[in-house]
Amino acid sequence: MQGATVLYNLFLTTLRKDTEQVATLVDEFDEWHARFTVQRPLMAGWQLPDFWLCVAEGGGRIGPQTQDFVERWFRLAYEASSPEASGRARPPGTCWNNASGR
């Protein structure tokens, strides 16, 4: 979920037009994406329903909206880190590409 947090903060910082912090967060997001991409093969067989079962058995109570958010974020991050998606982690024309001058 680190990537989602960084991306959220990046969007907010872009709205504030804090170009120095935007550049820092772009770097942080790129570093997170690189780590996620390296670890991607380990996640190929993940079954999120099994994950939620383990969480519940451990006493965790995660609401349906949170589960939905985590599952959607995971799918987006997983798909964006595929070899076929290389170079698409930051779609062209998005605000952080423009705000950071990259």
PDB file of N, CA and C in Angstrom:
ATOM      1  N   MET A   1       0.808  -1.191   0.000  1.00  0.00           N
ATOM      2  CA  MET A   1       0.000   0.000   0.000  1.00  0.00           C
ATOM      3  C   MET A   1       0.856   1.262   0.000  1.00  0.00           C
ATOM      4  N   GLN A   2       2.162   1.076   0.125  1.00  0.00           N
ATOM      5  CA  GLN A   2       3.062   2.229   0.128  1.00  0.00           C
ATOM      6  C   GLN A   2       2.921   3.028  -1.165  1.00  0.00           C
ATOM      7  N   GLY A   3       2.842   2.338  -2.292  1.00  0.00           N
ATOM      8  CA  GLY A   3       2.730   3.035  -3.567  1.00  0.00           C
ATOM      9  C   GLY A   3       1.483   3.898  -3.643  1.00  0.00           C
ATOM     10  N   ALA A   4       0.367   3.396  -3.111  1.00  0.00           N
ATOM     11  CA  ALA A   4      -0.878   4.168  -3.122  1.00  0.00           C
ATOM     12  C   ALA A   4      -0.727   5.436  -2.283  1.00  0.00           C
ATOM     13  N   THR A   5      -0.063   5.314  -1.156  1.00  0.00           N
ATOM     14  CA  THR A   5       0.149   6.478  -0.283  1.00  0.00           C
ATOM     15  C   THR A   5       1.029   7.514  -0.964  1.00  0.00           C
ATOM     16  N   VAL A   6       2.099   7.057  -1.580  1.00  0.00           N
ATOM     17  CA  VAL A   6       3.005   7.985  -2.266  1.00  0.00           C
ATOM     18  C   VAL A   6       2.267   8.676  -3.414  1.00  0.00           C
ATOM     19  N   LEU A   7       1.507   7.911  -4.177  1.00  0.00           N
ATOM     20  CA  LEU A   7       0.778   8.480  -5.307  1.00  0.00           C
ATOM     21  C   LEU A   7      -0.247   9.514  -4.839  1.00  0.00           C
ATOM     22  N   TYR A   8      -0.967   9.199  -3.775  1.00  0.00           N
ATOM     23  CA  TYR A   8      -1.944  10.139  -3.215  1.00  0.00           C
ATOM     24  C   TYR A   8      -1.253  11.437  -2.795  1.00  0.00           C
ATOM     25  N   ASN A   9      -0.154  11.315  -2.069  1.00  0.00           N
ATOM     26  CA  ASN A   9       0.592  12.504  -1.640  1.00  0.00           C
ATOM     27  C   ASN A   9       1.137  13.277  -2.830  1.00  0.00           C
ATOM     28  N   LEU A  10       1.523  12.565  -3.873  1.00  0.00           N
ATOM     29  CA  LEU A  10       2.017  13.209  -5.089  1.00  0.00           C
ATOM     30  C   LEU A  10       0.922  14.046  -5.744  1.00  0.00           C
ATOM     31  N   PHE A  11      -0.276  13.504  -5.818  1.00  0.00           N
ATOM     32  CA  PHE A  11      -1.382  14.272  -6.387  1.00  0.00           C
ATOM     33  C   PHE A  11      -1.664  15.533  -5.559  1.00  0.00           C
ATOM     34  N   LEU A  12      -1.701  15.386  -4.242  1.00  0.00           N
ATOM     35  CA  LEU A  12      -1.965  16.552  -3.392  1.00  0.00           C
ATOM     36  C   LEU A  12      -0.867  17.601  -3.514  1.00  0.00           C
ATOM     37  N   THR A  13       0.380  17.156  -3.539  1.00  0.00           N
ATOM     38  CA  THR A  13       1.513  18.069  -3.647  1.00  0.00           C
ATOM     39  C   THR A  13       1.502  18.781  -4.995  1.00  0.00           C
ATOM     40  N   THR A  14       1.093  18.074  -6.033  1.00  0.00           N
ATOM     41  CA  THR A  14       0.991  18.684  -7.361  1.00  0.00           C
ATOM     42  C   THR A  14      -0.053  19.796  -7.349  1.00  0.00           C
ATOM     43  N   LEU A  15      -1.165  19.563  -6.665  1.00  0.00           N
ATOM     44  CA  LEU A  15      -2.202  20.598  -6.578  1.00  0.00           C
ATOM     45  C   LEU A  15      -1.691  21.842  -5.852  1.00  0.00           C
ATOM     46  N   ARG A  16      -0.781  21.648  -4.891  1.00  0.00           N
ATOM     47  CA  ARG A  16      -0.188  22.784  -4.172  1.00  0.00           C
ATOM     48  C   ARG A  16       0.915  23.459  -4.982  1.00  0.00           C
ATOM     49  N   LYS A  17       1.292  22.838  -6.091  1.00  0.00           N
ATOM     50  CA  LYS A  17       2.333  23.367  -6.980  1.00  0.00           C
ATOM     51  C   LYS A  17       3.687  23.470  -6.276  1.00  0.00           C
ATOM     52  N   ASP A  18       3.964  22.498  -5.409  1.00  0.00           N
ATOM     53  CA  ASP A  18       5.239  22.434  -4.692  1.00  0.00           C
ATOM     54  C   ASP A  18       6.184  21.569  -5.530  1.00  0.00           C
ATOM     55  N   THR A  19       6.836  22.191  -6.521  1.00  0.00           N
ATOM     56  CA  THR A  19       7.623  21.430  -7.496  1.00  0.00           C
ATOM     57  C   THR A  19       8.784  20.659  -6.869  1.00  0.00           C
ATOM     58  N   GLU A  20       9.377  21.199  -5.814  1.00  0.00           N
ATOM     59  CA  GLU A  20      10.479  20.481  -5.166  1.00  0.00           C
ATOM     60  C   GLU A  20       9.977  19.194  -4.520  1.00  0.00           C
ATOM     61  N   GLN A  21       8.853  19.294  -3.808  1.00  0.00           N
ATOM     62  CA  GLN A  21       8.290  18.093  -3.167  1.00  0.00           C
ATOM     63  C   GLN A  21       7.739  17.133  -4.216  1.00  0.00           C
ATOM     64  N   VAL A  22       7.185  17.668  -5.301  1.00  0.00           N
ATOM     65  CA  VAL A  22       6.703  16.801  -6.385  1.00  0.00           C
ATOM     66  C   VAL A  22       7.865  15.967  -6.915  1.00  0.00           C
ATOM     67  N   ALA A  23       8.997  16.597  -7.164  1.00  0.00           N
ATOM     68  CA  ALA A  23      10.163  15.866  -7.674  1.00  0.00           C
ATOM     69  C   ALA A  23      10.599  14.779  -6.698  1.00  0.00           C
ATOM     70  N   THR A  24      10.576  15.083  -5.410  1.00  0.00           N
ATOM     71  CA  THR A  24      10.937  14.093  -4.395  1.00  0.00           C
ATOM     72  C   THR A  24       9.971  12.920  -4.424  1.00  0.00           C
ATOM     73  N   LEU A  25       8.673  13.212  -4.516  1.00  0.00           N
ATOM     74  CA  LEU A  25       7.670  12.147  -4.513  1.00  0.00           C
ATOM     75  C   LEU A  25       7.687  11.344  -5.811  1.00  0.00           C
ATOM     76  N   VAL A  26       7.990  11.980  -6.929  1.00  0.00           N
ATOM     77  CA  VAL A  26       8.136  11.237  -8.185  1.00  0.00           C
ATOM     78  C   VAL A  26       9.265  10.225  -8.036  1.00  0.00           C
ATOM     79  N   ASP A  27      10.386  10.667  -7.464  1.00  0.00           N
ATOM     80  CA  ASP A  27      11.505   9.745  -7.236  1.00  0.00           C
ATOM     81  C   ASP A  27      11.093   8.610  -6.305  1.00  0.00           C
ATOM     82  N   GLU A  28      10.369   8.948  -5.237  1.00  0.00           N
ATOM     83  CA  GLU A  28       9.929   7.929  -4.280  1.00  0.00           C
ATOM     84  C   GLU A  28       8.994   6.927  -4.958  1.00  0.00           C
ATOM     85  N   PHE A  29       8.072   7.442  -5.791  1.00  0.00           N
ATOM     86  CA  PHE A  29       7.164   6.543  -6.505  1.00  0.00           C
ATOM     87  C   PHE A  29       7.937   5.658  -7.476  1.00  0.00           C
ATOM     88  N   ASP A  30       8.891   6.225  -8.190  1.00  0.00           N
ATOM     89  CA  ASP A  30       9.699   5.432  -9.119  1.00  0.00           C
ATOM     90  C   ASP A  30      10.474   4.335  -8.385  1.00  0.00           C
ATOM     91  N   GLU A  31      11.006   4.669  -7.209  1.00  0.00           N
ATOM     92  CA  GLU A  31      11.728   3.665  -6.416  1.00  0.00           C
ATOM     93  C   GLU A  31      10.782   2.560  -5.957  1.00  0.00           C
ATOM     94  N   TRP A  32       9.589   2.952  -5.493  1.00  0.00           N
ATOM     95  CA  TRP A  32       8.601   1.944  -5.084  1.00  0.00           C
ATOM     96  C   TRP A  32       8.245   1.048  -6.277  1.00  0.00           C
ATOM     97  N   HIS A  33       7.996   1.657  -7.424  1.00  0.00           N
ATOM     98  CA  HIS A  33       7.614   0.884  -8.613  1.00  0.00           C
ATOM     99  C   HIS A  33       8.726  -0.085  -9.014  1.00  0.00           C
ATOM    100  N   ALA A  34       9.962   0.349  -8.928  1.00  0.00           N
ATOM    101  CA  ALA A  34      11.089  -0.535  -9.263  1.00  0.00           C
ATOM    102  C   ALA A  34      11.136  -1.729  -8.312  1.00  0.00           C
ATOM    103  N   ARG A  35      10.951  -1.484  -7.007  1.00  0.00           N
ATOM    104  CA  ARG A  35      10.945  -2.593  -6.036  1.00  0.00           C
ATOM    105  C   ARG A  35       9.774  -3.536  -6.297  1.00  0.00           C
ATOM    106  N   PHE A  36       8.611  -2.972  -6.566  1.00  0.00           N
ATOM    107  CA  PHE A  36       7.417  -3.778  -6.829  1.00  0.00           C
ATOM    108  C   PHE A  36       7.639  -4.638  -8.068  1.00  0.00           C
ATOM    109  N   THR A  37       8.219  -4.060  -9.105  1.00  0.00           N
ATOM    110  CA  THR A  37       8.465  -4.797 -10.352  1.00  0.00           C
ATOM    111  C   THR A  37       9.409  -5.968 -10.118  1.00  0.00           C
ATOM    112  N   VAL A  38      10.442  -5.761  -9.316  1.00  0.00           N
ATOM    113  CA  VAL A  38      11.386  -6.845  -9.007  1.00  0.00           C
ATOM    114  C   VAL A  38      10.675  -7.958  -8.241  1.00  0.00           C
ATOM    115  N   GLN A  39       9.768  -7.601  -7.350  1.00  0.00           N
ATOM    116  CA  GLN A  39       9.072  -8.592  -6.525  1.00  0.00           C
ATOM    117  C   GLN A  39       7.858  -9.202  -7.224  1.00  0.00           C
ATOM    118  N   ARG A  40       7.506  -8.695  -8.396  1.00  0.00           N
ATOM    119  CA  ARG A  40       6.307  -9.133  -9.113  1.00  0.00           C
ATOM    120  C   ARG A  40       6.217 -10.635  -9.288  1.00  0.00           C
ATOM    121  N   PRO A  41       7.303 -11.330  -9.672  1.00  0.00           N
ATOM    122  CA  PRO A  41       7.187 -12.781  -9.850  1.00  0.00           C
ATOM    123  C   PRO A  41       6.738 -13.510  -8.579  1.00  0.00           C
ATOM    124  N   LEU A  42       7.074 -12.987  -7.425  1.00  0.00           N
ATOM    125  CA  LEU A  42       6.667 -13.611  -6.163  1.00  0.00           C
ATOM    126  C   LEU A  42       5.158 -13.507  -5.945  1.00  0.00           C
ATOM    127  N   MET A  43       4.522 -12.565  -6.615  1.00  0.00           N
ATOM    128  CA  MET A  43       3.088 -12.323  -6.423  1.00  0.00           C
ATOM    129  C   MET A  43       2.218 -13.006  -7.469  1.00  0.00           C
ATOM    130  N   ALA A  44       2.846 -13.686  -8.419  1.00  0.00           N
ATOM    131  CA  ALA A  44       2.099 -14.268  -9.540  1.00  0.00           C
ATOM    132  C   ALA A  44       0.994 -15.215  -9.085  1.00  0.00           C
ATOM    133  N   GLY A  45       1.213 -15.960  -8.034  1.00  0.00           N
ATOM    134  CA  GLY A  45       0.213 -16.928  -7.593  1.00  0.00           C
ATOM    135  C   GLY A  45      -0.640 -16.470  -6.429  1.00  0.00           C
ATOM    136  N   TRP A  46      -0.535 -15.194  -6.075  1.00  0.00           N
ATOM    137  CA  TRP A  46      -1.294 -14.714  -4.924  1.00  0.00           C
ATOM    138  C   TRP A  46      -2.792 -14.866  -5.148  1.00  0.00           C
ATOM    139  N   GLN A  47      -3.439 -15.323  -4.131  1.00  0.00           N
ATOM    140  CA  GLN A  47      -4.905 -15.426  -4.131  1.00  0.00           C
ATOM    141  C   GLN A  47      -5.413 -14.500  -3.034  1.00  0.00           C
ATOM    142  N   LEU A  48      -5.932 -13.361  -3.411  1.00  0.00           N
ATOM    143  CA  LEU A  48      -6.363 -12.386  -2.410  1.00  0.00           C
ATOM    144  C   LEU A  48      -7.472 -12.901  -1.502  1.00  0.00           C
ATOM    145  N   PRO A  49      -8.415 -13.729  -1.986  1.00  0.00           N
ATOM    146  CA  PRO A  49      -9.396 -14.288  -1.038  1.00  0.00           C
ATOM    147  C   PRO A  49      -8.716 -15.090   0.085  1.00  0.00           C
ATOM    148  N   ASP A  50      -7.653 -15.814  -0.253  1.00  0.00           N
ATOM    149  CA  ASP A  50      -6.909 -16.546   0.777  1.00  0.00           C
ATOM    150  C   ASP A  50      -6.234 -15.578   1.745  1.00  0.00           C
ATOM    151  N   PHE A  51      -5.731 -14.472   1.210  1.00  0.00           N
ATOM    152  CA  PHE A  51      -5.113 -13.453   2.054  1.00  0.00           C
ATOM    153  C   PHE A  51      -6.117 -12.915   3.062  1.00  0.00           C
ATOM    154  N   TRP A  52      -7.321 -12.568   2.585  1.00  0.00           N
ATOM    155  CA  TRP A  52      -8.336 -12.013   3.481  1.00  0.00           C
ATOM    156  C   TRP A  52      -8.741 -13.036   4.532  1.00  0.00           C
ATOM    157  N   LEU A  53      -8.772 -14.297   4.160  1.00  0.00           N
ATOM    158  CA  LEU A  53      -9.088 -15.353   5.120  1.00  0.00           C
ATOM    159  C   LEU A  53      -8.026 -15.413   6.224  1.00  0.00           C
ATOM    160  N   CYS A  54      -6.764 -15.331   5.831  1.00  0.00           N
ATOM    161  CA  CYS A  54      -5.673 -15.322   6.819  1.00  0.00           C
ATOM    162  C   CYS A  54      -5.777 -14.112   7.744  1.00  0.00           C
ATOM    163  N   VAL A  55      -6.109 -12.969   7.176  1.00  0.00           N
ATOM    164  CA  VAL A  55      -6.266 -11.759   7.989  1.00  0.00           C
ATOM    165  C   VAL A  55      -7.379 -11.963   9.007  1.00  0.00           C
ATOM    166  N   ALA A  56      -8.510 -12.492   8.550  1.00  0.00           N
ATOM    167  CA  ALA A  56      -9.652 -12.710   9.449  1.00  0.00           C
ATOM    168  C   ALA A  56      -9.317 -13.740  10.518  1.00  0.00           C
ATOM    169  N   GLU A  57      -8.634 -14.813  10.139  1.00  0.00           N
ATOM    170  CA  GLU A  57      -8.264 -15.839  11.111  1.00  0.00           C
ATOM    171  C   GLU A  57      -7.289 -15.305  12.148  1.00  0.00           C
ATOM    172  N   GLY A  58      -6.517 -14.292  11.779  1.00  0.00           N
ATOM    173  CA  GLY A  58      -5.580 -13.667  12.708  1.00  0.00           C
ATOM    174  C   GLY A  58      -6.227 -12.601  13.573  1.00  0.00           C
ATOM    175  N   GLY A  59      -7.527 -12.408  13.413  1.00  0.00           N
ATOM    176  CA  GLY A  59      -8.245 -11.440  14.232  1.00  0.00           C
ATOM    177  C   GLY A  59      -8.441 -10.088  13.571  1.00  0.00           C
ATOM    178  N   GLY A  60      -7.934  -9.944  12.340  1.00  0.00           N
ATOM    179  CA  GLY A  60      -8.095  -8.671  11.639  1.00  0.00           C
ATOM    180  C   GLY A  60      -9.513  -8.482  11.149  1.00  0.00           C
ATOM    181  N   ARG A  61      -9.984  -7.257  11.234  1.00  0.00           N
ATOM    182  CA  ARG A  61     -11.319  -6.935  10.716  1.00  0.00           C
ATOM    183  C   ARG A  61     -11.158  -5.832   9.680  1.00  0.00           C
ATOM    184  N   ILE A  62     -11.241  -6.225   8.438  1.00  0.00           N
ATOM    185  CA  ILE A  62     -11.075  -5.293   7.328  1.00  0.00           C
ATOM    186  C   ILE A  62     -12.416  -5.178   6.619  1.00  0.00           C
ATOM    187  N   GLY A  63     -12.917  -3.963   6.522  1.00  0.00           N
ATOM    188  CA  GLY A  63     -14.219  -3.736   5.902  1.00  0.00           C
ATOM    189  C   GLY A  63     -14.191  -3.970   4.397  1.00  0.00           C
ATOM    190  N   PRO A  64     -15.359  -4.163   3.806  1.00  0.00           N
ATOM    191  CA  PRO A  64     -15.441  -4.448   2.367  1.00  0.00           C
ATOM    192  C   PRO A  64     -14.885  -3.330   1.482  1.00  0.00           C
ATOM    193  N   GLN A  65     -15.059  -2.068   1.891  1.00  0.00           N
ATOM    194  CA  GLN A  65     -14.522  -0.976   1.073  1.00  0.00           C
ATOM    195  C   GLN A  65     -13.002  -0.993   1.067  1.00  0.00           C
ATOM    196  N   THR A  66     -12.409  -1.290   2.213  1.00  0.00           N
ATOM    197  CA  THR A  66     -10.952  -1.369   2.288  1.00  0.00           C
ATOM    198  C   THR A  66     -10.451  -2.545   1.469  1.00  0.00           C
ATOM    199  N   GLN A  67     -11.124  -3.681   1.576  1.00  0.00           N
ATOM    200  CA  GLN A  67     -10.735  -4.845   0.773  1.00  0.00           C
ATOM    201  C   GLN A  67     -10.809  -4.519  -0.709  1.00  0.00           C
ATOM    202  N   ASP A  68     -11.888  -3.858  -1.106  1.00  0.00           N
ATOM    203  CA  ASP A  68     -12.049  -3.493  -2.515  1.00  0.00           C
ATOM    204  C   ASP A  68     -10.925  -2.566  -2.967  1.00  0.00           C
ATOM    205  N   PHE A  69     -10.587  -1.563  -2.143  1.00  0.00           N
ATOM    206  CA  PHE A  69      -9.508  -0.638  -2.480  1.00  0.00           C
ATOM    207  C   PHE A  69      -8.187  -1.389  -2.635  1.00  0.00           C
ATOM    208  N   VAL A  70      -7.862  -2.236  -1.669  1.00  0.00           N
ATOM    209  CA  VAL A  70      -6.599  -2.990  -1.710  1.00  0.00           C
ATOM    210  C   VAL A  70      -6.554  -3.876  -2.948  1.00  0.00           C
ATOM    211  N   GLU A  71      -7.639  -4.569  -3.243  1.00  0.00           N
ATOM    212  CA  GLU A  71      -7.661  -5.457  -4.412  1.00  0.00           C
ATOM    213  C   GLU A  71      -7.509  -4.679  -5.716  1.00  0.00           C
ATOM    214  N   ARG A  72      -8.186  -3.549  -5.815  1.00  0.00           N
ATOM    215  CA  ARG A  72      -8.062  -2.739  -7.036  1.00  0.00           C
ATOM    216  C   ARG A  72      -6.645  -2.160  -7.176  1.00  0.00           C
ATOM    217  N   TRP A  73      -6.099  -1.657  -6.071  1.00  0.00           N
ATOM    218  CA  TRP A  73      -4.747  -1.105  -6.116  1.00  0.00           C
ATOM    219  C   TRP A  73      -3.753  -2.189  -6.501  1.00  0.00           C
ATOM    220  N   PHE A  74      -3.878  -3.349  -5.881  1.00  0.00           N
ATOM    221  CA  PHE A  74      -2.962  -4.444  -6.188  1.00  0.00           C
ATOM    222  C   PHE A  74      -3.037  -4.798  -7.674  1.00  0.00           C
ATOM    223  N   ARG A  75      -4.252  -4.921  -8.203  1.00  0.00           N
ATOM    224  CA  ARG A  75      -4.417  -5.255  -9.632  1.00  0.00           C
ATOM    225  C   ARG A  75      -3.778  -4.199 -10.527  1.00  0.00           C
ATOM    226  N   LEU A  76      -4.027  -2.928 -10.225  1.00  0.00           N
ATOM    227  CA  LEU A  76      -3.439  -1.850 -11.030  1.00  0.00           C
ATOM    228  C   LEU A  76      -1.912  -1.878 -10.973  1.00  0.00           C
ATOM    229  N   ALA A  77      -1.375  -2.013  -9.772  1.00  0.00           N
ATOM    230  CA  ALA A  77       0.086  -2.034  -9.613  1.00  0.00           C
ATOM    231  C   ALA A  77       0.680  -3.261 -10.288  1.00  0.00           C
ATOM    232  N   TYR A  78       0.028  -4.396 -10.138  1.00  0.00           N
ATOM    233  CA  TYR A  78       0.529  -5.640 -10.724  1.00  0.00           C
ATOM    234  C   TYR A  78       0.539  -5.543 -12.252  1.00  0.00           C
ATOM    235  N   GLU A  79      -0.545  -5.040 -12.824  1.00  0.00           N
ATOM    236  CA  GLU A  79      -0.632  -4.908 -14.278  1.00  0.00           C
ATOM    237  C   GLU A  79       0.362  -3.875 -14.807  1.00  0.00           C
ATOM    238  N   ALA A  80       0.539  -2.777 -14.083  1.00  0.00           N
ATOM    239  CA  ALA A  80       1.456  -1.718 -14.524  1.00  0.00           C
ATOM    240  C   ALA A  80       2.913  -2.148 -14.431  1.00  0.00           C
ATOM    241  N   SER A  81       3.197  -3.188 -13.656  1.00  0.00           N
ATOM    242  CA  SER A  81       4.580  -3.639 -13.499  1.00  0.00           C
ATOM    243  C   SER A  81       4.915  -4.808 -14.417  1.00  0.00           C
ATOM    244  N   SER A  82       3.986  -5.182 -15.286  1.00  0.00           N
ATOM    245  CA  SER A  82       4.249  -6.297 -16.194  1.00  0.00           C
ATOM    246  C   SER A  82       5.233  -5.878 -17.281  1.00  0.00           C
ATOM    247  N   PRO A  83       5.963  -6.831 -17.838  1.00  0.00           N
ATOM    248  CA  PRO A  83       6.886  -6.483 -18.929  1.00  0.00           C
ATOM    249  C   PRO A  83       6.172  -5.811 -20.105  1.00  0.00           C
ATOM    250  N   GLU A  84       4.935  -6.218 -20.363  1.00  0.00           N
ATOM    251  CA  GLU A  84       4.169  -5.622 -21.473  1.00  0.00           C
ATOM    252  C   GLU A  84       3.836  -4.159 -21.204  1.00  0.00           C
ATOM    253  N   ALA A  85       3.769  -3.783 -19.943  1.00  0.00           N
ATOM    254  CA  ALA A  85       3.406  -2.413 -19.577  1.00  0.00           C
ATOM    255  C   ALA A  85       4.627  -1.545 -19.332  1.00  0.00           C
ATOM    256  N   SER A  86       5.791  -2.032 -19.654  1.00  0.00           N
ATOM    257  CA  SER A  86       7.022  -1.291 -19.398  1.00  0.00           C
ATOM    258  C   SER A  86       6.909   0.129 -19.923  1.00  0.00           C
ATOM    259  N   GLY A  87       7.242   1.072 -19.046  1.00  0.00           N
ATOM    260  CA  GLY A  87       7.178   2.472 -19.442  1.00  0.00           C
ATOM    261  C   GLY A  87       5.815   3.103 -19.250  1.00  0.00           C
ATOM    262  N   ARG A  88       4.836   2.335 -18.758  1.00  0.00           N
ATOM    263  CA  ARG A  88       3.500   2.897 -18.582  1.00  0.00           C
ATOM    264  C   ARG A  88       3.146   3.094 -17.115  1.00  0.00           C
ATOM    265  N   ALA A  89       4.122   3.028 -16.210  1.00  0.00           N
ATOM    266  CA  ALA A  89       3.809   3.220 -14.796  1.00  0.00           C
ATOM    267  C   ALA A  89       3.285   4.630 -14.554  1.00  0.00           C
ATOM    268  N   ARG A  90       3.752   5.570 -15.351  1.00  0.00           N
ATOM    269  CA  ARG A  90       3.273   6.943 -15.272  1.00  0.00           C
ATOM    270  C   ARG A  90       2.751   7.314 -16.651  1.00  0.00           C
ATOM    271  N   PRO A  91       1.450   7.226 -16.851  1.00  0.00           N
ATOM    272  CA  PRO A  91       0.895   7.530 -18.172  1.00  0.00           C
ATOM    273  C   PRO A  91       1.272   8.923 -18.635  1.00  0.00           C
ATOM    274  N   PRO A  92       1.536   9.099 -19.930  1.00  0.00           N
ATOM    275  CA  PRO A  92       1.902  10.416 -20.437  1.00  0.00           C
ATOM    276  C   PRO A  92       0.799  11.428 -20.174  1.00  0.00           C
ATOM    277  N   GLY A  93       1.232  12.637 -19.868  1.00  0.00           N
ATOM    278  CA  GLY A  93       0.272  13.720 -19.673  1.00  0.00           C
ATOM    279  C   GLY A  93      -0.306  13.791 -18.271  1.00  0.00           C
ATOM    280  N   THR A  94       0.104  12.904 -17.364  1.00  0.00           N
ATOM    281  CA  THR A  94      -0.424  12.993 -16.011  1.00  0.00           C
ATOM    282  C   THR A  94       0.227  14.164 -15.300  1.00  0.00           C
ATOM    283  N   CYS A  95      -0.432  14.631 -14.271  1.00  0.00           N
ATOM    284  CA  CYS A  95       0.001  15.883 -13.644  1.00  0.00           C
ATOM    285  C   CYS A  95       1.405  15.803 -13.076  1.00  0.00           C
ATOM    286  N   TRP A  96       1.834  14.680 -12.537  1.00  0.00           N
ATOM    287  CA  TRP A  96       3.161  14.680 -11.935  1.00  0.00           C
ATOM    288  C   TRP A  96       4.258  14.658 -12.983  1.00  0.00           C
ATOM    289  N   ASN A  97       4.000  14.162 -14.182  1.00  0.00           N
ATOM    290  CA  ASN A  97       4.997  14.273 -15.243  1.00  0.00           C
ATOM    291  C   ASN A  97       5.225  15.739 -15.588  1.00  0.00           C
ATOM    292  N   ASN A  98       4.148  16.480 -15.682  1.00  0.00           N
ATOM    293  CA  ASN A  98       4.246  17.886 -16.072  1.00  0.00           C
ATOM    294  C   ASN A  98       4.763  18.751 -14.937  1.00  0.00           C
ATOM    295  N   ALA A  99       4.306  18.505 -13.717  1.00  0.00           N
ATOM    296  CA  ALA A  99       4.676  19.362 -12.596  1.00  0.00           C
ATOM    297  C   ALA A  99       6.139  19.226 -12.229  1.00  0.00           C
ATOM    298  N   SER A 100       6.711  18.050 -12.440  1.00  0.00           N
ATOM    299  CA  SER A 100       8.092  17.857 -12.040  1.00  0.00           C
ATOM    300  C   SER A 100       9.056  18.172 -13.175  1.00  0.00           C
ATOM    301  N   GLY A 101       8.521  18.461 -14.343  1.00  0.00           N
ATOM    302  CA  GLY A 101       9.374  18.762 -15.490  1.00  0.00           C
ATOM    303  C   GLY A 101      10.006  17.533 -16.095  1.00  0.00           C
ATOM    304  N   ARG A 102       9.458  16.361 -15.825  1.00  0.00           N
ATOM    305  CA  ARG A 102      10.037  15.115 -16.357  1.00  0.00           C
ATOM    306  C   ARG A 102       9.259  14.618 -17.531  1.00  0.00           C
TER     307      ARG A 102
END
